[in-house]
Amino acid sequence: MNNKIFLKALNRDNTESYVPVWFLRQAGRYMPEYRAVRSQYSDFFKMIKNPDVCTELTLQPLNQFPLDAAITFSDILTIPEALGAKIEFVSGRGPIFKESFKTTPMMELDLNSETKLSYVYEATEKIKAKIDVPLIGFCGSPWTIFTYMFYGKSPKDKSEVGNFARNNRAYVHEKLEIISNLTIEYMKNQKKSGADCLQIFDSWGGLIKEDYNEFSLQYVNKLTDAFEKEFPIILYARGMKIKPYINESSAKIFNLNTEDKISEYIDENISIQGNLNPTIFHEDESYLKDLAADIYMKYADKKNYICNLGSGLTPDIDPAKVALFLNELRFLNSK
């Protein structure tokens, strides 16, 4: 691995005048190359269960853009699928579960499901052998996985799951424990297969703000505490500011949301990435060049900063704009 600057920044030890960068959903629907591959599969899970395809999709952005990290192409719903959930990805609607905790509270779960995830580990090994930048593995937080399994789809009435959790604490904690135990094994095997760090996507953490510690953070901490402190774990709690939870979190690396400000975190004893709004890529060339210069000027000498987005790249984004920004930042980094 030639480029270790991303890992150094995760460990608050980037001593070079260089801003490392990677993007949420850097491999995805905004890239024509991705869409060409996706069009060959009617079943999303059939696609991601092919390690060679996942390797190809992971490498697509690295082949086009100057990035300092790769992230394994997969999905957070590998865990509920391994537990036995039947999931279909429907165009325009997202993931749809055949059964959910809401409709079938006693739905049967496969508690010996770890071996069902071997395709992710094989993809991890294949990707690692082909890149010279660090590899990020990932998973969903137990609360986020529970939320998907509760609704059986992306939430619409977003208060319902929180009300259910508060009124059915024993049931919810039982399911969160099951999900956590499988996720820990999942994370450990990604690490064993070559992941240099792991990112936990707490995509629905924002639905339970008033009870975040009880239903989400304690389980995120359980995941993080399963690893030695030197192994980097990144927490991305979408839809909420993480500032009030920094001291209570076992994770010491955070992906900030678009509404968060770098200035509130940069001097803390943590590492941070994120907060850029992907809508920046709808701006013109001069704006993107100025933004790259501003980021470099402010953060090139910070030991704990990684340039990233506060939410993922969307299908309406022009890859040429992404290339323009990243090439400008790489030019500044190489001065």
C-alpha atoms as a PDB file:
ATOM      1  CA  MET A   1       0.000   0.000   0.000  1.00  0.00           C
ATOM      2  CA  ASN A   2       1.709   3.171  -1.232  1.00  0.00           C
ATOM      3  CA  ASN A   3      -0.786   5.760  -0.042  1.00  0.00           C
ATOM      4  CA  LYS A   4      -1.358   5.657   3.721  1.00  0.00           C
ATOM      5  CA  ILE A   5      -2.292   9.292   4.310  1.00  0.00           C
ATOM      6  CA  PHE A   6      -5.968   8.462   4.844  1.00  0.00           C
ATOM      7  CA  LEU A   7      -5.055   6.019   7.624  1.00  0.00           C
ATOM      8  CA  LYS A   8      -2.722   8.556   9.185  1.00  0.00           C
ATOM      9  CA  ALA A   9      -5.533  11.107   9.292  1.00  0.00           C
ATOM     10  CA  LEU A  10      -7.853   8.543  10.893  1.00  0.00           C
ATOM     11  CA  ASN A  11      -5.236   8.136  13.621  1.00  0.00           C
ATOM     12  CA  ARG A  12      -4.810  11.925  14.002  1.00  0.00           C
ATOM     13  CA  ASP A  13      -1.293  11.607  12.662  1.00  0.00           C
ATOM     14  CA  ASN A  14      -1.273  13.180   9.182  1.00  0.00           C
ATOM     15  CA  THR A  15       1.860  15.319   9.361  1.00  0.00           C
ATOM     16  CA  GLU A  16       1.998  16.068   5.633  1.00  0.00           C
ATOM     17  CA  SER A  17       0.487  19.158   4.020  1.00  0.00           C
ATOM     18  CA  TYR A  18      -2.054  17.005   2.251  1.00  0.00           C
ATOM     19  CA  VAL A  19      -5.847  16.668   2.445  1.00  0.00           C
ATOM     20  CA  PRO A  20      -6.872  13.017   1.996  1.00  0.00           C
ATOM     21  CA  VAL A  21     -10.220  12.486   0.275  1.00  0.00           C
ATOM     22  CA  TRP A  22     -12.837   9.875  -0.491  1.00  0.00           C
ATOM     23  CA  PHE A  23     -16.584  10.199  -1.016  1.00  0.00           C
ATOM     24  CA  LEU A  24     -19.674   8.496   0.300  1.00  0.00           C
ATOM     25  CA  ARG A  25     -21.158   6.461  -2.589  1.00  0.00           C
ATOM     26  CA  GLN A  26     -18.082   7.146  -4.698  1.00  0.00           C
ATOM     27  CA  ALA A  27     -19.026   3.948  -6.553  1.00  0.00           C
ATOM     28  CA  GLY A  28     -22.622   4.215  -7.663  1.00  0.00           C
ATOM     29  CA  ARG A  29     -25.401   5.390  -9.913  1.00  0.00           C
ATOM     30  CA  TYR A  30     -23.842   8.704 -10.979  1.00  0.00           C
ATOM     31  CA  MET A  31     -21.226   6.721 -12.945  1.00  0.00           C
ATOM     32  CA  PRO A  32     -22.217   5.382 -16.396  1.00  0.00           C
ATOM     33  CA  GLU A  33     -19.870   2.444 -15.828  1.00  0.00           C
ATOM     34  CA  TYR A  34     -21.812   1.441 -12.730  1.00  0.00           C
ATOM     35  CA  ARG A  35     -25.166   1.731 -14.483  1.00  0.00           C
ATOM     36  CA  ALA A  36     -23.898  -0.492 -17.287  1.00  0.00           C
ATOM     37  CA  VAL A  37     -23.057  -3.240 -14.805  1.00  0.00           C
ATOM     38  CA  ARG A  38     -26.235  -2.773 -12.753  1.00  0.00           C
ATOM     39  CA  SER A  39     -28.401  -3.107 -15.867  1.00  0.00           C
ATOM     40  CA  GLN A  40     -27.224  -6.687 -16.220  1.00  0.00           C
ATOM     41  CA  TYR A  41     -28.826  -7.723 -12.922  1.00  0.00           C
ATOM     42  CA  SER A  42     -32.524  -7.663 -12.058  1.00  0.00           C
ATOM     43  CA  ASP A  43     -31.648  -8.824  -8.528  1.00  0.00           C
ATOM     44  CA  PHE A  44     -29.364  -6.470  -6.583  1.00  0.00           C
ATOM     45  CA  PHE A  45     -28.284  -9.190  -4.160  1.00  0.00           C
ATOM     46  CA  LYS A  46     -27.289 -11.466  -7.020  1.00  0.00           C
ATOM     47  CA  MET A  47     -25.011  -8.665  -8.193  1.00  0.00           C
ATOM     48  CA  ILE A  48     -23.344  -7.980  -4.844  1.00  0.00           C
ATOM     49  CA  LYS A  49     -22.932 -11.691  -4.141  1.00  0.00           C
ATOM     50  CA  ASN A  50     -20.543 -11.856  -7.090  1.00  0.00           C
ATOM     51  CA  PRO A  51     -17.101 -10.923  -5.664  1.00  0.00           C
ATOM     52  CA  ASP A  52     -15.663 -10.186  -9.112  1.00  0.00           C
ATOM     53  CA  VAL A  53     -18.454  -7.705  -9.832  1.00  0.00           C
ATOM     54  CA  CYS A  54     -18.037  -6.049  -6.434  1.00  0.00           C
ATOM     55  CA  THR A  55     -14.334  -5.720  -7.147  1.00  0.00           C
ATOM     56  CA  GLU A  56     -15.034  -4.121 -10.507  1.00  0.00           C
ATOM     57  CA  LEU A  57     -17.530  -1.657  -8.997  1.00  0.00           C
ATOM     58  CA  THR A  58     -15.178  -0.736  -6.151  1.00  0.00           C
ATOM     59  CA  LEU A  59     -12.374  -0.019  -8.610  1.00  0.00           C
ATOM     60  CA  GLN A  60     -14.443   2.086 -11.029  1.00  0.00           C
ATOM     61  CA  PRO A  61     -14.034   5.418  -9.162  1.00  0.00           C
ATOM     62  CA  LEU A  62     -10.399   4.670  -8.295  1.00  0.00           C
ATOM     63  CA  ASN A  63      -9.673   4.200 -11.988  1.00  0.00           C
ATOM     64  CA  GLN A  64     -11.149   7.615 -12.812  1.00  0.00           C
ATOM     65  CA  PHE A  65     -10.477   9.891  -9.844  1.00  0.00           C
ATOM     66  CA  PRO A  66      -7.537  10.665  -7.519  1.00  0.00           C
ATOM     67  CA  LEU A  67      -8.941   9.164  -4.297  1.00  0.00           C
ATOM     68  CA  ASP A  68      -7.097   8.214  -1.131  1.00  0.00           C
ATOM     69  CA  ALA A  69      -9.298   5.299  -0.037  1.00  0.00           C
ATOM     70  CA  ALA A  70     -11.535   2.606  -1.487  1.00  0.00           C
ATOM     71  CA  ILE A  71     -14.724   1.287   0.096  1.00  0.00           C
ATOM     72  CA  THR A  72     -15.902  -2.248  -0.581  1.00  0.00           C
ATOM     73  CA  PHE A  73     -18.950  -2.243  -2.818  1.00  0.00           C
ATOM     74  CA  SER A  74     -21.690  -3.927  -0.827  1.00  0.00           C
ATOM     75  CA  ASP A  75     -24.792  -2.919   1.144  1.00  0.00           C
ATOM     76  CA  ILE A  76     -25.750  -2.569   4.805  1.00  0.00           C
ATOM     77  CA  LEU A  77     -28.690  -4.926   4.232  1.00  0.00           C
ATOM     78  CA  THR A  78     -26.374  -7.926   3.910  1.00  0.00           C
ATOM     79  CA  ILE A  79     -26.987  -8.490   7.642  1.00  0.00           C
ATOM     80  CA  PRO A  80     -30.819  -8.799   7.581  1.00  0.00           C
ATOM     81  CA  GLU A  81     -30.545 -10.852   4.386  1.00  0.00           C
ATOM     82  CA  ALA A  82     -28.162 -13.224   6.170  1.00  0.00           C
ATOM     83  CA  LEU A  83     -30.590 -13.411   9.109  1.00  0.00           C
ATOM     84  CA  GLY A  84     -33.188 -14.731   6.701  1.00  0.00           C
ATOM     85  CA  ALA A  85     -35.048 -11.644   5.501  1.00  0.00           C
ATOM     86  CA  LYS A  86     -36.279 -11.814   1.912  1.00  0.00           C
ATOM     87  CA  ILE A  87     -35.438  -8.443   0.339  1.00  0.00           C
ATOM     88  CA  GLU A  88     -36.163  -7.065  -3.108  1.00  0.00           C
ATOM     89  CA  PHE A  89     -34.741  -3.790  -4.402  1.00  0.00           C
ATOM     90  CA  VAL A  90     -37.571  -2.073  -6.284  1.00  0.00           C
ATOM     91  CA  SER A  91     -36.761   0.815  -8.624  1.00  0.00           C
ATOM     92  CA  GLY A  92     -38.065   4.078  -7.169  1.00  0.00           C
ATOM     93  CA  ARG A  93     -38.964   2.467  -3.834  1.00  0.00           C
ATOM     94  CA  GLY A  94     -35.726   1.029  -2.504  1.00  0.00           C
ATOM     95  CA  PRO A  95     -35.490  -2.187  -0.465  1.00  0.00           C
ATOM     96  CA  ILE A  96     -38.760  -4.027   0.228  1.00  0.00           C
ATOM     97  CA  PHE A  97     -38.865  -6.856   2.795  1.00  0.00           C
ATOM     98  CA  LYS A  98     -41.276  -9.751   2.403  1.00  0.00           C
ATOM     99  CA  GLU A  99     -41.776  -9.778   6.192  1.00  0.00           C
ATOM    100  CA  SER A 100     -41.009  -7.206   8.869  1.00  0.00           C
ATOM    101  CA  PHE A 101     -40.996  -6.976  12.652  1.00  0.00           C
ATOM    102  CA  LYS A 102     -44.003  -4.664  12.292  1.00  0.00           C
ATOM    103  CA  THR A 103     -46.169  -7.160  10.385  1.00  0.00           C
ATOM    104  CA  THR A 104     -44.633 -10.372  11.720  1.00  0.00           C
ATOM    105  CA  PRO A 105     -43.202  -9.649  15.211  1.00  0.00           C
ATOM    106  CA  MET A 106     -42.165 -13.280  15.689  1.00  0.00           C
ATOM    107  CA  MET A 107     -40.508 -13.626  12.286  1.00  0.00           C
ATOM    108  CA  GLU A 108     -37.921 -16.383  12.449  1.00  0.00           C
ATOM    109  CA  LEU A 109     -34.255 -15.357  12.331  1.00  0.00           C
ATOM    110  CA  ASP A 110     -31.350 -17.553  11.311  1.00  0.00           C
ATOM    111  CA  LEU A 111     -28.974 -17.273  14.251  1.00  0.00           C
ATOM    112  CA  ASN A 112     -26.254 -19.319  12.517  1.00  0.00           C
ATOM    113  CA  SER A 113     -25.961 -17.052   9.524  1.00  0.00           C
ATOM    114  CA  GLU A 114     -22.372 -15.787   9.614  1.00  0.00           C
ATOM    115  CA  THR A 115     -21.258 -18.177   6.858  1.00  0.00           C
ATOM    116  CA  LYS A 116     -23.832 -16.634   4.511  1.00  0.00           C
ATOM    117  CA  LEU A 117     -21.658 -13.512   4.308  1.00  0.00           C
ATOM    118  CA  SER A 118     -18.563 -15.167   2.847  1.00  0.00           C
ATOM    119  CA  TYR A 119     -19.110 -13.412  -0.493  1.00  0.00           C
ATOM    120  CA  VAL A 120     -18.304 -10.080   1.197  1.00  0.00           C
ATOM    121  CA  TYR A 121     -15.047 -11.456   2.583  1.00  0.00           C
ATOM    122  CA  GLU A 122     -14.050 -12.895  -0.777  1.00  0.00           C
ATOM    123  CA  ALA A 123     -14.746  -9.531  -2.440  1.00  0.00           C
ATOM    124  CA  THR A 124     -12.712  -7.792   0.271  1.00  0.00           C
ATOM    125  CA  GLU A 125      -9.724 -10.034  -0.424  1.00  0.00           C
ATOM    126  CA  LYS A 126      -9.976  -9.529  -4.180  1.00  0.00           C
ATOM    127  CA  ILE A 127     -10.252  -5.741  -3.880  1.00  0.00           C
ATOM    128  CA  LYS A 128      -7.373  -5.525  -1.416  1.00  0.00           C
ATOM    129  CA  ALA A 129      -5.104  -7.343  -3.861  1.00  0.00           C
ATOM    130  CA  LYS A 130      -5.781  -4.758  -6.583  1.00  0.00           C
ATOM    131  CA  ILE A 131      -5.448  -1.385  -4.813  1.00  0.00           C
ATOM    132  CA  ASP A 132      -2.643   0.716  -3.379  1.00  0.00           C
ATOM    133  CA  VAL A 133      -4.836   2.809  -1.077  1.00  0.00           C
ATOM    134  CA  PRO A 134      -6.495   1.758   2.202  1.00  0.00           C
ATOM    135  CA  LEU A 135      -9.702  -0.268   2.019  1.00  0.00           C
ATOM    136  CA  ILE A 136     -12.770   0.674   4.052  1.00  0.00           C
ATOM    137  CA  GLY A 137     -15.144  -2.076   5.127  1.00  0.00           C
ATOM    138  CA  PHE A 138     -18.550  -1.175   6.515  1.00  0.00           C
ATOM    139  CA  CYS A 139     -21.780  -2.226   8.154  1.00  0.00           C
ATOM    140  CA  GLY A 140     -25.049  -0.716   9.314  1.00  0.00           C
ATOM    141  CA  SER A 141     -25.504   0.089  12.976  1.00  0.00           C
ATOM    142  CA  PRO A 142     -27.706  -2.405  14.860  1.00  0.00           C
ATOM    143  CA  TRP A 143     -30.359   0.292  15.303  1.00  0.00           C
ATOM    144  CA  THR A 144     -30.386   1.087  11.585  1.00  0.00           C
ATOM    145  CA  ILE A 145     -30.698  -2.603  10.690  1.00  0.00           C
ATOM    146  CA  PHE A 146     -33.502  -2.981  13.235  1.00  0.00           C
ATOM    147  CA  THR A 147     -35.283   0.025  11.717  1.00  0.00           C
ATOM    148  CA  TYR A 148     -35.221  -1.507   8.238  1.00  0.00           C
ATOM    149  CA  MET A 149     -36.388  -4.832   9.639  1.00  0.00           C
ATOM    150  CA  PHE A 150     -39.173  -3.100  11.585  1.00  0.00           C
ATOM    151  CA  TYR A 151     -40.636  -1.171   8.658  1.00  0.00           C
ATOM    152  CA  GLY A 152     -39.710  -3.676   5.960  1.00  0.00           C
ATOM    153  CA  LYS A 153     -38.699  -0.731   3.794  1.00  0.00           C
ATOM    154  CA  SER A 154     -37.289   2.779   4.099  1.00  0.00           C
ATOM    155  CA  PRO A 155     -39.276   4.576   6.826  1.00  0.00           C
ATOM    156  CA  LYS A 156     -42.190   6.805   5.863  1.00  0.00           C
ATOM    157  CA  ASP A 157     -43.844   7.511   9.243  1.00  0.00           C
ATOM    158  CA  LYS A 158     -40.515   8.151  10.918  1.00  0.00           C
ATOM    159  CA  SER A 159     -41.865   8.468  14.466  1.00  0.00           C
ATOM    160  CA  GLU A 160     -43.398   4.988  14.509  1.00  0.00           C
ATOM    161  CA  VAL A 161     -40.236   3.005  15.178  1.00  0.00           C
ATOM    162  CA  GLY A 162     -39.221   5.236  18.089  1.00  0.00           C
ATOM    163  CA  ASN A 163     -42.635   4.911  19.699  1.00  0.00           C
ATOM    164  CA  PHE A 164     -42.517   1.148  19.205  1.00  0.00           C
ATOM    165  CA  ALA A 165     -39.048   0.934  20.767  1.00  0.00           C
ATOM    166  CA  ARG A 166     -40.065   2.890  23.855  1.00  0.00           C
ATOM    167  CA  ASN A 167     -43.165   0.727  24.330  1.00  0.00           C
ATOM    168  CA  ASN A 168     -41.457  -2.619  23.625  1.00  0.00           C
ATOM    169  CA  ARG A 169     -38.015  -2.226  25.148  1.00  0.00           C
ATOM    170  CA  ALA A 170     -37.359  -5.896  25.956  1.00  0.00           C
ATOM    171  CA  TYR A 171     -38.320  -7.030  22.449  1.00  0.00           C
ATOM    172  CA  VAL A 172     -36.244  -4.329  20.756  1.00  0.00           C
ATOM    173  CA  HIS A 173     -33.139  -4.932  22.878  1.00  0.00           C
ATOM    174  CA  GLU A 174     -33.384  -8.669  22.208  1.00  0.00           C
ATOM    175  CA  LYS A 175     -33.337  -8.032  18.451  1.00  0.00           C
ATOM    176  CA  LEU A 176     -30.565  -5.443  18.756  1.00  0.00           C
ATOM    177  CA  GLU A 177     -28.413  -7.974  20.620  1.00  0.00           C
ATOM    178  CA  ILE A 178     -28.910 -10.570  17.871  1.00  0.00           C
ATOM    179  CA  ILE A 179     -28.049  -8.036  15.170  1.00  0.00           C
ATOM    180  CA  SER A 180     -25.034  -6.765  17.141  1.00  0.00           C
ATOM    181  CA  ASN A 181     -23.547 -10.217  17.657  1.00  0.00           C
ATOM    182  CA  LEU A 182     -23.738 -11.057  13.952  1.00  0.00           C
ATOM    183  CA  THR A 183     -22.425  -7.611  12.980  1.00  0.00           C
ATOM    184  CA  ILE A 184     -19.369  -7.979  15.210  1.00  0.00           C
ATOM    185  CA  GLU A 185     -18.465 -11.236  13.461  1.00  0.00           C
ATOM    186  CA  TYR A 186     -19.130  -9.562  10.121  1.00  0.00           C
ATOM    187  CA  MET A 187     -16.812  -6.673  10.952  1.00  0.00           C
ATOM    188  CA  LYS A 188     -14.071  -8.937  12.293  1.00  0.00           C
ATOM    189  CA  ASN A 189     -14.120 -11.055   9.152  1.00  0.00           C
ATOM    190  CA  GLN A 190     -13.921  -7.971   6.938  1.00  0.00           C
ATOM    191  CA  LYS A 191     -10.855  -6.921   8.912  1.00  0.00           C
ATOM    192  CA  LYS A 192      -9.381 -10.406   8.603  1.00  0.00           C
ATOM    193  CA  SER A 193     -10.018 -10.301   4.840  1.00  0.00           C
ATOM    194  CA  GLY A 194      -8.088  -7.060   4.366  1.00  0.00           C
ATOM    195  CA  ALA A 195     -10.181  -4.054   5.437  1.00  0.00           C
ATOM    196  CA  ASP A 196      -7.891  -1.386   6.924  1.00  0.00           C
ATOM    197  CA  CYS A 197     -10.724   0.328   8.806  1.00  0.00           C
ATOM    198  CA  LEU A 198     -14.486   0.047   9.175  1.00  0.00           C
ATOM    199  CA  GLN A 199     -17.297   2.573   8.893  1.00  0.00           C
ATOM    200  CA  ILE A 200     -20.560   2.113  10.799  1.00  0.00           C
ATOM    201  CA  PHE A 201     -23.524   3.651   8.992  1.00  0.00           C
ATOM    202  CA  ASP A 202     -26.112   4.689  11.562  1.00  0.00           C
ATOM    203  CA  SER A 203     -28.404   5.822   8.773  1.00  0.00           C
ATOM    204  CA  TRP A 204     -31.521   6.007  10.963  1.00  0.00           C
ATOM    205  CA  GLY A 205     -29.897   7.199  14.183  1.00  0.00           C
ATOM    206  CA  GLY A 206     -31.661  10.526  13.705  1.00  0.00           C
ATOM    207  CA  LEU A 207     -35.064   8.869  14.247  1.00  0.00           C
ATOM    208  CA  ILE A 208     -34.337   8.194  17.905  1.00  0.00           C
ATOM    209  CA  LYS A 209     -32.530  11.323  19.046  1.00  0.00           C
ATOM    210  CA  GLU A 210     -34.213  11.487  22.451  1.00  0.00           C
ATOM    211  CA  ASP A 211     -33.245   7.851  23.163  1.00  0.00           C
ATOM    212  CA  TYR A 212     -30.112   7.647  21.024  1.00  0.00           C
ATOM    213  CA  ASN A 213     -27.871   6.361  23.820  1.00  0.00           C
ATOM    214  CA  GLU A 214     -30.209   3.531  24.768  1.00  0.00           C
ATOM    215  CA  PHE A 215     -31.205   2.191  21.373  1.00  0.00           C
ATOM    216  CA  SER A 216     -28.266   3.070  19.147  1.00  0.00           C
ATOM    217  CA  LEU A 217     -25.082   4.369  20.729  1.00  0.00           C
ATOM    218  CA  GLN A 218     -24.681   1.584  23.282  1.00  0.00           C
ATOM    219  CA  TYR A 219     -24.782  -0.959  20.450  1.00  0.00           C
ATOM    220  CA  VAL A 220     -22.417   1.079  18.280  1.00  0.00           C
ATOM    221  CA  ASN A 221     -20.078   1.101  21.292  1.00  0.00           C
ATOM    222  CA  LYS A 222     -20.430  -2.678  21.576  1.00  0.00           C
ATOM    223  CA  LEU A 223     -19.298  -2.998  17.959  1.00  0.00           C
ATOM    224  CA  THR A 224     -16.413  -0.569  18.418  1.00  0.00           C
ATOM    225  CA  ASP A 225     -15.291  -2.102  21.706  1.00  0.00           C
ATOM    226  CA  ALA A 226     -14.890  -5.478  19.990  1.00  0.00           C
ATOM    227  CA  PHE A 227     -11.745  -4.093  18.321  1.00  0.00           C
ATOM    228  CA  GLU A 228      -8.430  -2.944  19.695  1.00  0.00           C
ATOM    229  CA  LYS A 229      -8.257   0.848  20.009  1.00  0.00           C
ATOM    230  CA  GLU A 230      -5.611   1.103  17.271  1.00  0.00           C
ATOM    231  CA  PHE A 231      -7.984  -0.244  14.613  1.00  0.00           C
ATOM    232  CA  PRO A 232      -9.925   2.699  13.126  1.00  0.00           C
ATOM    233  CA  ILE A 233     -13.722   2.652  13.384  1.00  0.00           C
ATOM    234  CA  ILE A 234     -15.677   5.536  11.809  1.00  0.00           C
ATOM    235  CA  LEU A 235     -19.214   6.436  12.898  1.00  0.00           C
ATOM    236  CA  TYR A 236     -21.620   8.131  10.507  1.00  0.00           C
ATOM    237  CA  ALA A 237     -24.859   9.006  12.316  1.00  0.00           C
ATOM    238  CA  ARG A 238     -27.030  10.429   9.553  1.00  0.00           C
ATOM    239  CA  GLY A 239     -29.535  13.125  10.344  1.00  0.00           C
ATOM    240  CA  MET A 240     -28.073  14.258  13.642  1.00  0.00           C
ATOM    241  CA  LYS A 241     -25.225  16.220  15.141  1.00  0.00           C
ATOM    242  CA  ILE A 242     -22.785  13.970  16.915  1.00  0.00           C
ATOM    243  CA  LYS A 243     -21.300  16.706  19.126  1.00  0.00           C
ATOM    244  CA  PRO A 244     -23.293  15.798  22.285  1.00  0.00           C
ATOM    245  CA  TYR A 245     -22.159  12.176  22.057  1.00  0.00           C
ATOM    246  CA  ILE A 246     -18.428  12.502  21.409  1.00  0.00           C
ATOM    247  CA  ASN A 247     -17.421  11.725  24.981  1.00  0.00           C
ATOM    248  CA  GLU A 248     -19.903   8.847  25.247  1.00  0.00           C
ATOM    249  CA  SER A 249     -18.889   7.200  21.979  1.00  0.00           C
ATOM    250  CA  SER A 250     -16.210   4.510  21.756  1.00  0.00           C
ATOM    251  CA  ALA A 251     -15.624   5.638  18.176  1.00  0.00           C
ATOM    252  CA  LYS A 252     -13.189   8.520  17.854  1.00  0.00           C
ATOM    253  CA  ILE A 253     -13.640   9.140  14.130  1.00  0.00           C
ATOM    254  CA  PHE A 254     -16.817  10.730  12.817  1.00  0.00           C
ATOM    255  CA  ASN A 255     -18.378  11.383   9.424  1.00  0.00           C
ATOM    256  CA  LEU A 256     -20.226  14.691   9.777  1.00  0.00           C
ATOM    257  CA  ASN A 257     -23.609  15.464   8.264  1.00  0.00           C
ATOM    258  CA  THR A 258     -24.102  18.356   5.854  1.00  0.00           C
ATOM    259  CA  GLU A 259     -25.621  20.539   8.597  1.00  0.00           C
ATOM    260  CA  ASP A 260     -22.574  20.118  10.834  1.00  0.00           C
ATOM    261  CA  LYS A 261     -19.623  22.510  10.848  1.00  0.00           C
ATOM    262  CA  ILE A 262     -15.995  21.396  10.680  1.00  0.00           C
ATOM    263  CA  SER A 263     -15.028  24.244  12.996  1.00  0.00           C
ATOM    264  CA  GLU A 264     -16.994  22.662  15.862  1.00  0.00           C
ATOM    265  CA  TYR A 265     -14.879  19.494  15.723  1.00  0.00           C
ATOM    266  CA  ILE A 266     -11.488  20.161  14.163  1.00  0.00           C
ATOM    267  CA  ASP A 267      -9.770  20.993  17.464  1.00  0.00           C
ATOM    268  CA  GLU A 268     -11.257  18.043  19.364  1.00  0.00           C
ATOM    269  CA  ASN A 269      -9.155  14.941  20.044  1.00  0.00           C
ATOM    270  CA  ILE A 270     -10.978  13.058  17.293  1.00  0.00           C
ATOM    271  CA  SER A 271     -10.709  12.649  13.528  1.00  0.00           C
ATOM    272  CA  ILE A 272     -13.413  13.926  11.225  1.00  0.00           C
ATOM    273  CA  GLN A 273     -14.542  13.573   7.645  1.00  0.00           C
ATOM    274  CA  GLY A 274     -17.558  14.780   5.763  1.00  0.00           C
ATOM    275  CA  ASN A 275     -20.077  17.632   5.847  1.00  0.00           C
ATOM    276  CA  LEU A 276     -19.736  18.677   2.176  1.00  0.00           C
ATOM    277  CA  ASN A 277     -23.156  18.776   0.504  1.00  0.00           C
ATOM    278  CA  PRO A 278     -23.187  16.755  -2.750  1.00  0.00           C
ATOM    279  CA  THR A 279     -25.158  19.592  -4.363  1.00  0.00           C
ATOM    280  CA  ILE A 280     -21.792  21.383  -4.712  1.00  0.00           C
ATOM    281  CA  PHE A 281     -21.369  19.359  -7.884  1.00  0.00           C
ATOM    282  CA  HIS A 282     -24.195  21.311  -9.490  1.00  0.00           C
ATOM    283  CA  GLU A 283     -22.045  24.445  -9.251  1.00  0.00           C
ATOM    284  CA  ASP A 284     -19.749  25.748 -11.975  1.00  0.00           C
ATOM    285  CA  GLU A 285     -16.050  25.109 -12.489  1.00  0.00           C
ATOM    286  CA  SER A 286     -14.809  28.234 -10.732  1.00  0.00           C
ATOM    287  CA  TYR A 287     -16.883  27.470  -7.621  1.00  0.00           C
ATOM    288  CA  LEU A 288     -15.483  23.954  -7.350  1.00  0.00           C
ATOM    289  CA  LYS A 289     -11.906  25.123  -7.854  1.00  0.00           C
ATOM    290  CA  ASP A 290     -12.342  27.834  -5.215  1.00  0.00           C
ATOM    291  CA  LEU A 291     -13.871  25.303  -2.835  1.00  0.00           C
ATOM    292  CA  ALA A 292     -10.937  22.925  -3.280  1.00  0.00           C
ATOM    293  CA  ALA A 293      -8.530  25.815  -2.612  1.00  0.00           C
ATOM    294  CA  ASP A 294     -10.466  26.860   0.500  1.00  0.00           C
ATOM    295  CA  ILE A 295     -10.457  23.314   1.886  1.00  0.00           C
ATOM    296  CA  TYR A 296      -6.745  22.955   1.214  1.00  0.00           C
ATOM    297  CA  MET A 297      -5.931  26.297   2.823  1.00  0.00           C
ATOM    298  CA  LYS A 298      -7.939  25.524   5.984  1.00  0.00           C
ATOM    299  CA  TYR A 299      -7.129  21.872   6.535  1.00  0.00           C
ATOM    300  CA  ALA A 300      -3.941  20.801   4.753  1.00  0.00           C
ATOM    301  CA  ASP A 301      -1.956  21.163   7.955  1.00  0.00           C
ATOM    302  CA  LYS A 302      -4.552  19.498  10.190  1.00  0.00           C
ATOM    303  CA  LYS A 303      -3.609  16.030  11.383  1.00  0.00           C
ATOM    304  CA  ASN A 304      -7.180  14.782  11.786  1.00  0.00           C
ATOM    305  CA  TYR A 305      -9.157  15.890   8.708  1.00  0.00           C
ATOM    306  CA  ILE A 306     -10.409  13.938   5.678  1.00  0.00           C
ATOM    307  CA  CYS A 307     -12.344  15.578   2.882  1.00  0.00           C
ATOM    308  CA  ASN A 308     -15.671  13.813   2.348  1.00  0.00           C
ATOM    309  CA  LEU A 309     -19.377  14.402   1.881  1.00  0.00           C
ATOM    310  CA  GLY A 310     -22.131  14.673   4.463  1.00  0.00           C
ATOM    311  CA  SER A 311     -24.324  12.399   2.340  1.00  0.00           C
ATOM    312  CA  GLY A 312     -23.709  10.218  -0.685  1.00  0.00           C
ATOM    313  CA  LEU A 313     -23.199  11.140  -4.326  1.00  0.00           C
ATOM    314  CA  THR A 314     -26.565  11.113  -6.111  1.00  0.00           C
ATOM    315  CA  PRO A 315     -27.490   9.871  -9.622  1.00  0.00           C
ATOM    316  CA  ASP A 316     -28.009  13.418 -10.949  1.00  0.00           C
ATOM    317  CA  ILE A 317     -24.347  14.382 -10.434  1.00  0.00           C
ATOM    318  CA  ASP A 318     -22.028  14.800 -13.414  1.00  0.00           C
ATOM    319  CA  PRO A 319     -18.855  12.689 -12.942  1.00  0.00           C
ATOM    320  CA  ALA A 320     -16.915  15.407 -14.776  1.00  0.00           C
ATOM    321  CA  LYS A 321     -17.665  17.814 -11.918  1.00  0.00           C
ATOM    322  CA  VAL A 322     -16.446  15.241  -9.396  1.00  0.00           C
ATOM    323  CA  ALA A 323     -13.265  14.804 -11.431  1.00  0.00           C
ATOM    324  CA  LEU A 324     -12.742  18.568 -11.653  1.00  0.00           C
ATOM    325  CA  PHE A 325     -12.933  19.036  -7.874  1.00  0.00           C
ATOM    326  CA  LEU A 326     -10.780  16.012  -7.054  1.00  0.00           C
ATOM    327  CA  ASN A 327      -8.145  16.883  -9.648  1.00  0.00           C
ATOM    328  CA  GLU A 328      -7.902  20.414  -8.286  1.00  0.00           C
ATOM    329  CA  LEU A 329      -7.497  19.127  -4.744  1.00  0.00           C
ATOM    330  CA  ARG A 330      -4.861  16.624  -5.871  1.00  0.00           C
ATOM    331  CA  PHE A 331      -3.014  19.413  -7.717  1.00  0.00           C
ATOM    332  CA  LEU A 332      -2.940  21.482  -4.543  1.00  0.00           C
ATOM    333  CA  ASN A 333      -1.831  18.471  -2.502  1.00  0.00           C
ATOM    334  CA  SER A 334       1.068  17.858  -4.873  1.00  0.00           C
ATOM    335  CA  LYS A 335       2.498  21.390  -4.642  1.00  0.00           C
END
